[in-house]
Amino acid sequence: MFVETVMKYKALSLALVAACVLAAPALAHHSFAMFDAEKTVTMTGTVKEFEWTNPHSWLRIMVQDQATGKPMQWALELGSPAQQQRVGWKSDSVKPGDKVTVTIHPLKDGSRGGGVLTATLPNGSILGNGGLRPDAQRSSRFPGGQPAGISDDDGQRP
C-alpha cells in the first residue's frame, strides 16, 4: 500500500512539473512587453513582404528614412492568421509593392519594428490587429472613433 501511494505522488508530481515546464514558453511567447504602448507611430511605406503564418503574421515594409532619405525595412508584427481573419485580413490583403500606411506601437529598444495597431491598405480599407490585447484594441481607434478590429452596432466593420 505504501509503495502504491508513493508511486501515485511521484506520477502526480511528474505531471505537474511537466505541465509547468510546457506552459512557461507559451506564457512567455504572448508577451507584449517589447512594444512601447505609450508611443504610437504612423508611417507610410511599400510592402516588401507579407508573411501569413503562425504563430504571428509579419508585415515588412520599406519606409524612407527621414535623416538619410534611404529606404529602411521595418518588421511589423500582427496576430495569427486566424486572429487576422476575424478583423478582415486575408492572405492576399497586401502584396509586395503595395503602398500602406500603418500605425504601430514601436519596439522599446528603438529598432525598426513594432506591433501593428491599424493598417490602411491600397484600396483604402483600414484593418486592425486581431492579435492585440483587448485594452490595446480599445485604445487604438479608426477614423470616426470605432475601435480597431471591433465591429460597430450593425455588425459592419468601420
N, C-alpha and C. Protein backbone atom coordinates (compact mmCIF):
# COMPACT_ATOMS: atom_id res chain seq x y z
N MET A 1 0.82 -1.19 0.00
CA MET A 1 0.00 0.00 0.00
C MET A 1 0.87 1.26 0.00
N PHE A 2 1.94 1.24 0.83
CA PHE A 2 2.83 2.37 0.89
C PHE A 2 3.49 2.64 -0.46
N VAL A 3 3.89 1.61 -1.15
CA VAL A 3 4.53 1.74 -2.45
C VAL A 3 3.57 2.35 -3.47
N GLU A 4 2.32 1.92 -3.45
CA GLU A 4 1.31 2.47 -4.37
C GLU A 4 1.11 3.96 -4.12
N THR A 5 1.05 4.37 -2.88
CA THR A 5 0.86 5.79 -2.53
C THR A 5 2.04 6.61 -3.02
N VAL A 6 3.25 6.13 -2.78
CA VAL A 6 4.45 6.84 -3.25
C VAL A 6 4.45 6.96 -4.76
N MET A 7 4.08 5.91 -5.45
CA MET A 7 4.05 5.93 -6.92
C MET A 7 3.01 6.93 -7.43
N LYS A 8 1.88 6.99 -6.77
CA LYS A 8 0.84 7.94 -7.19
C LYS A 8 1.34 9.37 -7.03
N TYR A 9 2.01 9.67 -5.90
CA TYR A 9 2.55 11.01 -5.69
C TYR A 9 3.66 11.34 -6.68
N LYS A 10 4.49 10.36 -7.00
CA LYS A 10 5.54 10.58 -8.00
C LYS A 10 4.94 10.89 -9.36
N ALA A 11 3.93 10.12 -9.74
CA ALA A 11 3.28 10.36 -11.04
C ALA A 11 2.61 11.72 -11.07
N LEU A 12 1.92 12.09 -9.98
CA LEU A 12 1.27 13.39 -9.91
C LEU A 12 2.29 14.52 -9.95
N SER A 13 3.37 14.36 -9.20
CA SER A 13 4.43 15.38 -9.18
C SER A 13 5.06 15.55 -10.56
N LEU A 14 5.34 14.44 -11.21
CA LEU A 14 5.92 14.49 -12.55
C LEU A 14 4.97 15.18 -13.54
N ALA A 15 3.70 14.89 -13.44
CA ALA A 15 2.71 15.52 -14.32
C ALA A 15 2.64 17.03 -14.08
N LEU A 16 2.69 17.46 -12.83
CA LEU A 16 2.66 18.89 -12.51
C LEU A 16 3.91 19.61 -13.02
N VAL A 17 5.06 19.00 -12.83
CA VAL A 17 6.31 19.59 -13.33
C VAL A 17 6.27 19.70 -14.85
N ALA A 18 5.84 18.66 -15.52
CA ALA A 18 5.75 18.69 -16.98
C ALA A 18 4.80 19.78 -17.45
N ALA A 19 3.66 19.92 -16.78
CA ALA A 19 2.69 20.96 -17.16
C ALA A 19 3.29 22.35 -17.00
N CYS A 20 4.01 22.58 -15.92
CA CYS A 20 4.63 23.88 -15.70
C CYS A 20 5.72 24.18 -16.73
N VAL A 21 6.54 23.19 -17.00
CA VAL A 21 7.62 23.36 -17.98
C VAL A 21 7.07 23.65 -19.37
N LEU A 22 6.03 22.94 -19.76
CA LEU A 22 5.45 23.13 -21.08
C LEU A 22 4.66 24.44 -21.18
N ALA A 23 4.10 24.90 -20.09
CA ALA A 23 3.30 26.13 -20.11
C ALA A 23 4.17 27.38 -20.14
N ALA A 24 5.36 27.33 -19.57
CA ALA A 24 6.22 28.50 -19.47
C ALA A 24 6.53 29.14 -20.82
N PRO A 25 6.95 28.39 -21.85
CA PRO A 25 7.21 29.04 -23.14
C PRO A 25 5.96 29.68 -23.75
N ALA A 26 4.83 29.06 -23.56
CA ALA A 26 3.60 29.63 -24.11
C ALA A 26 3.27 30.95 -23.44
N LEU A 27 3.45 31.03 -22.14
CA LEU A 27 3.17 32.29 -21.45
C LEU A 27 4.17 33.36 -21.86
N ALA A 28 5.42 33.00 -21.98
CA ALA A 28 6.43 33.98 -22.38
C ALA A 28 6.19 34.45 -23.80
N HIS A 29 5.72 33.57 -24.66
CA HIS A 29 5.51 33.91 -26.05
C HIS A 29 4.48 35.02 -26.25
N HIS A 30 3.49 35.08 -25.39
CA HIS A 30 2.41 36.03 -25.60
C HIS A 30 2.62 37.35 -24.89
N SER A 31 3.84 37.74 -24.67
CA SER A 31 4.15 38.99 -24.03
C SER A 31 4.11 40.13 -25.04
N PHE A 32 3.65 41.28 -24.58
CA PHE A 32 3.66 42.49 -25.40
C PHE A 32 4.69 43.48 -24.85
N ALA A 33 5.55 43.00 -23.95
CA ALA A 33 6.49 43.87 -23.25
C ALA A 33 7.49 44.56 -24.17
N MET A 34 7.76 43.99 -25.34
CA MET A 34 8.76 44.59 -26.22
C MET A 34 8.24 45.84 -26.94
N PHE A 35 6.92 46.02 -26.94
CA PHE A 35 6.32 47.18 -27.61
C PHE A 35 6.10 48.30 -26.61
N ASP A 36 6.34 49.53 -27.04
CA ASP A 36 6.13 50.70 -26.19
C ASP A 36 4.68 51.16 -26.36
N ALA A 37 3.81 50.72 -25.46
CA ALA A 37 2.39 51.04 -25.55
C ALA A 37 2.10 52.51 -25.28
N GLU A 38 3.10 53.25 -24.79
CA GLU A 38 2.93 54.68 -24.54
C GLU A 38 3.16 55.51 -25.82
N LYS A 39 3.75 54.90 -26.83
CA LYS A 39 4.05 55.61 -28.08
C LYS A 39 3.26 55.01 -29.23
N THR A 40 2.81 55.86 -30.11
CA THR A 40 2.14 55.44 -31.33
C THR A 40 2.81 56.17 -32.49
N VAL A 41 3.19 55.41 -33.51
CA VAL A 41 3.86 55.96 -34.68
C VAL A 41 3.06 55.59 -35.92
N THR A 42 2.86 56.55 -36.81
CA THR A 42 2.21 56.30 -38.09
C THR A 42 3.22 56.53 -39.20
N MET A 43 3.30 55.58 -40.12
CA MET A 43 4.25 55.70 -41.23
C MET A 43 3.65 55.10 -42.50
N THR A 44 4.13 55.59 -43.62
CA THR A 44 3.72 55.08 -44.92
C THR A 44 4.93 54.45 -45.59
N GLY A 45 4.70 53.29 -46.18
CA GLY A 45 5.80 52.61 -46.83
C GLY A 45 5.31 51.67 -47.91
N THR A 46 6.24 50.95 -48.49
CA THR A 46 5.96 49.99 -49.55
C THR A 46 6.15 48.59 -49.01
N VAL A 47 5.18 47.73 -49.25
CA VAL A 47 5.25 46.36 -48.75
C VAL A 47 6.41 45.64 -49.43
N LYS A 48 7.28 45.06 -48.61
CA LYS A 48 8.35 44.22 -49.11
C LYS A 48 7.91 42.76 -49.05
N GLU A 49 7.24 42.40 -47.95
CA GLU A 49 6.85 41.00 -47.74
C GLU A 49 5.70 40.97 -46.73
N PHE A 50 4.78 40.04 -46.94
CA PHE A 50 3.69 39.78 -46.00
C PHE A 50 3.69 38.30 -45.71
N GLU A 51 4.04 37.94 -44.47
CA GLU A 51 4.08 36.54 -44.05
C GLU A 51 2.79 36.20 -43.33
N TRP A 52 2.00 35.35 -43.94
CA TRP A 52 0.72 34.89 -43.40
C TRP A 52 0.99 33.54 -42.75
N THR A 53 1.48 33.57 -41.51
CA THR A 53 1.97 32.34 -40.88
C THR A 53 1.72 32.36 -39.39
N ASN A 54 1.66 31.16 -38.81
CA ASN A 54 1.56 31.03 -37.36
C ASN A 54 2.95 31.02 -36.75
N PRO A 55 3.17 31.47 -35.54
CA PRO A 55 2.14 31.95 -34.63
C PRO A 55 1.77 33.41 -34.84
N HIS A 56 2.57 34.16 -35.61
CA HIS A 56 2.26 35.57 -35.89
C HIS A 56 2.50 35.87 -37.35
N SER A 57 1.64 36.68 -37.91
CA SER A 57 1.87 37.19 -39.26
C SER A 57 2.82 38.37 -39.16
N TRP A 58 3.56 38.61 -40.24
CA TRP A 58 4.53 39.71 -40.27
C TRP A 58 4.33 40.53 -41.53
N LEU A 59 4.39 41.82 -41.38
CA LEU A 59 4.34 42.75 -42.50
C LEU A 59 5.67 43.49 -42.51
N ARG A 60 6.43 43.32 -43.58
CA ARG A 60 7.71 44.02 -43.71
C ARG A 60 7.53 45.09 -44.76
N ILE A 61 7.80 46.32 -44.33
CA ILE A 61 7.64 47.45 -45.25
C ILE A 61 8.94 48.25 -45.34
N MET A 62 9.10 48.89 -46.47
CA MET A 62 10.24 49.79 -46.68
C MET A 62 9.75 51.22 -46.50
N VAL A 63 10.37 51.92 -45.57
CA VAL A 63 9.99 53.29 -45.24
C VAL A 63 11.21 54.17 -45.45
N GLN A 64 11.00 55.32 -46.08
CA GLN A 64 12.11 56.23 -46.34
C GLN A 64 12.57 56.86 -45.03
N ASP A 65 13.85 56.70 -44.71
CA ASP A 65 14.43 57.29 -43.52
C ASP A 65 14.48 58.81 -43.69
N GLN A 66 13.95 59.53 -42.72
CA GLN A 66 13.88 60.98 -42.84
C GLN A 66 15.25 61.64 -42.79
N ALA A 67 16.20 61.04 -42.09
CA ALA A 67 17.53 61.63 -41.98
C ALA A 67 18.39 61.39 -43.21
N THR A 68 18.34 60.18 -43.76
CA THR A 68 19.24 59.83 -44.87
C THR A 68 18.55 59.80 -46.22
N GLY A 69 17.23 59.69 -46.21
CA GLY A 69 16.49 59.57 -47.46
C GLY A 69 16.52 58.18 -48.06
N LYS A 70 17.19 57.25 -47.38
CA LYS A 70 17.29 55.88 -47.88
C LYS A 70 16.13 55.04 -47.35
N PRO A 71 15.69 54.06 -48.17
CA PRO A 71 14.63 53.17 -47.67
C PRO A 71 15.17 52.23 -46.59
N MET A 72 14.40 52.09 -45.51
CA MET A 72 14.78 51.23 -44.40
C MET A 72 13.64 50.24 -44.15
N GLN A 73 14.01 48.98 -43.89
CA GLN A 73 13.00 47.96 -43.64
C GLN A 73 12.49 48.02 -42.20
N TRP A 74 11.17 47.93 -42.06
CA TRP A 74 10.51 47.81 -40.76
C TRP A 74 9.82 46.46 -40.71
N ALA A 75 9.97 45.74 -39.59
CA ALA A 75 9.32 44.45 -39.38
C ALA A 75 8.17 44.66 -38.39
N LEU A 76 6.96 44.44 -38.86
CA LEU A 76 5.77 44.74 -38.06
C LEU A 76 5.00 43.47 -37.76
N GLU A 77 4.74 43.26 -36.49
CA GLU A 77 4.09 42.03 -36.04
C GLU A 77 2.57 42.19 -35.98
N LEU A 78 1.90 41.14 -36.44
CA LEU A 78 0.43 41.05 -36.37
C LEU A 78 0.08 39.77 -35.61
N GLY A 79 -1.19 39.53 -35.42
CA GLY A 79 -1.64 38.30 -34.79
C GLY A 79 -1.53 37.12 -35.74
N SER A 80 -2.04 35.99 -35.30
CA SER A 80 -2.04 34.79 -36.14
C SER A 80 -3.01 34.98 -37.30
N PRO A 81 -2.89 34.18 -38.35
CA PRO A 81 -3.84 34.29 -39.45
C PRO A 81 -5.31 34.18 -39.00
N ALA A 82 -5.60 33.29 -38.06
CA ALA A 82 -6.98 33.16 -37.59
C ALA A 82 -7.46 34.44 -36.92
N GLN A 83 -6.59 35.06 -36.11
CA GLN A 83 -6.95 36.32 -35.46
C GLN A 83 -7.11 37.42 -36.50
N GLN A 84 -6.23 37.44 -37.49
CA GLN A 84 -6.29 38.50 -38.51
C GLN A 84 -7.54 38.35 -39.38
N GLN A 85 -7.95 37.13 -39.68
CA GLN A 85 -9.16 36.93 -40.48
C GLN A 85 -10.38 37.50 -39.78
N ARG A 86 -10.42 37.41 -38.45
CA ARG A 86 -11.56 37.93 -37.70
C ARG A 86 -11.73 39.44 -37.83
N VAL A 87 -10.65 40.15 -38.14
CA VAL A 87 -10.75 41.60 -38.30
C VAL A 87 -10.62 42.03 -39.76
N GLY A 88 -10.76 41.06 -40.70
CA GLY A 88 -10.85 41.41 -42.10
C GLY A 88 -9.65 41.15 -42.98
N TRP A 89 -8.52 40.74 -42.41
CA TRP A 89 -7.34 40.45 -43.21
C TRP A 89 -7.53 39.15 -43.99
N LYS A 90 -6.84 39.07 -45.13
CA LYS A 90 -6.75 37.85 -45.93
C LYS A 90 -5.29 37.65 -46.29
N SER A 91 -4.97 36.46 -46.73
CA SER A 91 -3.58 36.18 -47.07
C SER A 91 -3.08 37.05 -48.22
N ASP A 92 -4.01 37.59 -49.02
CA ASP A 92 -3.63 38.44 -50.14
C ASP A 92 -4.06 39.89 -49.95
N SER A 93 -4.26 40.31 -48.70
CA SER A 93 -4.67 41.70 -48.44
C SER A 93 -3.65 42.70 -48.95
N VAL A 94 -2.38 42.35 -48.86
CA VAL A 94 -1.31 43.19 -49.41
C VAL A 94 -0.33 42.30 -50.14
N LYS A 95 0.37 42.91 -51.09
CA LYS A 95 1.39 42.17 -51.83
C LYS A 95 2.60 43.09 -52.02
N PRO A 96 3.76 42.52 -52.31
CA PRO A 96 4.94 43.35 -52.50
C PRO A 96 4.69 44.46 -53.51
N GLY A 97 5.14 45.66 -53.15
CA GLY A 97 4.97 46.83 -54.00
C GLY A 97 3.79 47.70 -53.60
N ASP A 98 2.84 47.17 -52.81
CA ASP A 98 1.69 47.97 -52.37
C ASP A 98 2.13 49.05 -51.39
N LYS A 99 1.51 50.21 -51.49
CA LYS A 99 1.71 51.29 -50.52
C LYS A 99 0.73 51.10 -49.39
N VAL A 100 1.21 51.16 -48.16
CA VAL A 100 0.36 51.03 -46.98
C VAL A 100 0.76 52.09 -45.96
N THR A 101 -0.21 52.46 -45.14
CA THR A 101 0.05 53.34 -44.01
C THR A 101 -0.30 52.55 -42.76
N VAL A 102 0.64 52.47 -41.83
CA VAL A 102 0.44 51.69 -40.62
C VAL A 102 0.60 52.59 -39.39
N THR A 103 -0.17 52.26 -38.38
CA THR A 103 0.01 52.86 -37.07
C THR A 103 0.45 51.73 -36.15
N ILE A 104 1.55 51.95 -35.45
CA ILE A 104 2.15 50.89 -34.65
C ILE A 104 2.49 51.39 -33.24
N HIS A 105 2.71 50.42 -32.34
CA HIS A 105 3.44 50.66 -31.10
C HIS A 105 4.86 50.22 -31.43
N PRO A 106 5.82 51.16 -31.41
CA PRO A 106 7.19 50.79 -31.79
C PRO A 106 7.86 49.91 -30.73
N LEU A 107 8.95 49.27 -31.14
CA LEU A 107 9.74 48.48 -30.20
C LEU A 107 10.41 49.41 -29.20
N LYS A 108 10.49 48.98 -27.96
CA LYS A 108 11.09 49.79 -26.90
C LYS A 108 12.57 50.03 -27.12
N ASP A 109 13.25 49.08 -27.76
CA ASP A 109 14.70 49.21 -27.93
C ASP A 109 15.09 50.15 -29.07
N GLY A 110 14.09 50.69 -29.77
CA GLY A 110 14.38 51.66 -30.83
C GLY A 110 14.69 51.04 -32.18
N SER A 111 14.75 49.73 -32.27
CA SER A 111 15.00 49.12 -33.57
C SER A 111 13.75 49.26 -34.45
N ARG A 112 13.92 49.04 -35.74
CA ARG A 112 12.84 49.28 -36.70
C ARG A 112 11.83 48.13 -36.70
N GLY A 113 10.86 48.24 -35.84
CA GLY A 113 9.83 47.23 -35.74
C GLY A 113 8.75 47.69 -34.79
N GLY A 114 7.68 46.91 -34.73
CA GLY A 114 6.61 47.25 -33.81
C GLY A 114 5.41 46.34 -33.99
N GLY A 115 4.42 46.59 -33.19
CA GLY A 115 3.17 45.87 -33.25
C GLY A 115 2.13 46.71 -33.96
N VAL A 116 1.54 46.18 -35.00
CA VAL A 116 0.56 46.92 -35.79
C VAL A 116 -0.70 47.17 -34.98
N LEU A 117 -1.18 48.41 -35.01
CA LEU A 117 -2.48 48.76 -34.45
C LEU A 117 -3.51 48.81 -35.56
N THR A 118 -3.21 49.58 -36.60
CA THR A 118 -4.07 49.65 -37.78
C THR A 118 -3.21 49.72 -39.03
N ALA A 119 -3.80 49.33 -40.14
CA ALA A 119 -3.13 49.42 -41.43
C ALA A 119 -4.15 49.91 -42.46
N THR A 120 -3.78 50.94 -43.20
CA THR A 120 -4.60 51.42 -44.30
C THR A 120 -4.05 50.77 -45.57
N LEU A 121 -4.89 49.97 -46.18
CA LEU A 121 -4.47 49.19 -47.34
C LEU A 121 -4.59 50.00 -48.63
N PRO A 122 -4.03 49.50 -49.74
CA PRO A 122 -4.08 50.23 -51.01
C PRO A 122 -5.50 50.57 -51.47
N ASN A 123 -6.48 49.74 -51.12
CA ASN A 123 -7.86 50.02 -51.54
C ASN A 123 -8.58 50.99 -50.60
N GLY A 124 -7.86 51.50 -49.60
CA GLY A 124 -8.43 52.47 -48.67
C GLY A 124 -9.05 51.87 -47.42
N SER A 125 -9.19 50.55 -47.38
CA SER A 125 -9.77 49.94 -46.18
C SER A 125 -8.76 49.99 -45.04
N ILE A 126 -9.30 50.09 -43.83
CA ILE A 126 -8.47 50.17 -42.64
C ILE A 126 -8.76 48.93 -41.80
N LEU A 127 -7.69 48.17 -41.53
CA LEU A 127 -7.83 46.95 -40.75
C LEU A 127 -7.03 47.06 -39.47
N GLY A 128 -7.55 46.42 -38.43
CA GLY A 128 -6.86 46.40 -37.14
C GLY A 128 -6.01 45.16 -37.01
N ASN A 129 -5.56 44.94 -35.79
CA ASN A 129 -4.72 43.79 -35.48
C ASN A 129 -5.49 42.88 -34.56
N GLY A 130 -5.91 41.72 -35.06
CA GLY A 130 -6.68 40.78 -34.28
C GLY A 130 -5.92 40.16 -33.13
N GLY A 131 -4.61 40.32 -33.10
CA GLY A 131 -3.81 39.72 -32.04
C GLY A 131 -3.55 40.63 -30.86
N LEU A 132 -4.12 41.82 -30.88
CA LEU A 132 -3.88 42.75 -29.78
C LEU A 132 -4.66 42.36 -28.54
N ARG A 133 -4.13 42.77 -27.40
CA ARG A 133 -4.89 42.64 -26.15
C ARG A 133 -6.14 43.50 -26.30
N PRO A 134 -7.25 43.13 -25.65
CA PRO A 134 -8.48 43.93 -25.75
C PRO A 134 -8.30 45.39 -25.34
N ASP A 135 -7.51 45.69 -24.30
CA ASP A 135 -7.33 47.08 -23.90
C ASP A 135 -6.56 47.87 -24.95
N ALA A 136 -5.63 47.22 -25.66
CA ALA A 136 -4.89 47.90 -26.73
C ALA A 136 -5.80 48.17 -27.91
N GLN A 137 -6.71 47.26 -28.23
CA GLN A 137 -7.64 47.48 -29.33
C GLN A 137 -8.55 48.66 -29.03
N ARG A 138 -9.02 48.75 -27.80
CA ARG A 138 -9.95 49.82 -27.47
C ARG A 138 -9.27 51.18 -27.47
N SER A 139 -7.95 51.21 -27.23
CA SER A 139 -7.26 52.49 -27.22
C SER A 139 -6.80 52.89 -28.62
N SER A 140 -6.86 51.97 -29.56
CA SER A 140 -6.43 52.24 -30.93
C SER A 140 -7.68 52.42 -31.77
N ARG A 141 -7.92 53.60 -32.26
CA ARG A 141 -9.19 53.89 -32.92
C ARG A 141 -9.03 54.17 -34.40
N PHE A 142 -10.02 53.68 -35.14
CA PHE A 142 -10.13 54.02 -36.55
C PHE A 142 -10.63 55.45 -36.68
N PRO A 143 -10.49 56.06 -37.84
CA PRO A 143 -11.15 57.34 -38.07
C PRO A 143 -12.65 57.16 -37.80
N GLY A 144 -13.26 58.11 -37.14
CA GLY A 144 -14.67 58.01 -36.80
C GLY A 144 -14.88 57.42 -35.43
N GLY A 145 -13.79 57.06 -34.73
CA GLY A 145 -13.89 56.63 -33.36
C GLY A 145 -14.18 55.17 -33.11
N GLN A 146 -14.25 54.33 -34.16
CA GLN A 146 -14.52 52.91 -33.95
C GLN A 146 -13.27 52.21 -33.45
N PRO A 147 -13.40 51.29 -32.48
CA PRO A 147 -12.23 50.54 -32.03
C PRO A 147 -11.67 49.67 -33.14
N ALA A 148 -10.35 49.52 -33.16
CA ALA A 148 -9.68 48.73 -34.18
C ALA A 148 -10.07 47.27 -34.08
N GLY A 149 -10.53 46.71 -35.18
CA GLY A 149 -10.83 45.30 -35.24
C GLY A 149 -12.10 44.88 -34.54
N ILE A 150 -12.94 45.84 -34.15
CA ILE A 150 -14.19 45.53 -33.47
C ILE A 150 -15.33 46.13 -34.28
N SER A 151 -16.35 45.32 -34.56
CA SER A 151 -17.48 45.78 -35.38
C SER A 151 -18.31 46.83 -34.68
N ASP A 152 -18.97 47.68 -35.46
CA ASP A 152 -19.89 48.64 -34.86
C ASP A 152 -21.25 47.98 -34.62
N ASP A 153 -22.24 48.74 -34.18
CA ASP A 153 -23.52 48.18 -33.72
C ASP A 153 -24.27 47.37 -34.77
N ASP A 154 -24.18 47.72 -36.05
CA ASP A 154 -24.93 46.97 -37.05
C ASP A 154 -24.13 45.82 -37.66
N GLY A 155 -22.98 45.49 -37.03
CA GLY A 155 -22.19 44.34 -37.46
C GLY A 155 -21.25 44.66 -38.61
N GLN A 156 -21.20 45.90 -39.06
CA GLN A 156 -20.32 46.29 -40.15
C GLN A 156 -18.99 46.77 -39.59
N ARG A 157 -17.93 46.46 -40.27
CA ARG A 157 -16.64 46.97 -39.86
C ARG A 157 -16.51 48.41 -40.35
N PRO A 158 -15.87 49.23 -39.56
CA PRO A 158 -15.69 50.63 -39.99
C PRO A 158 -14.84 50.73 -41.23
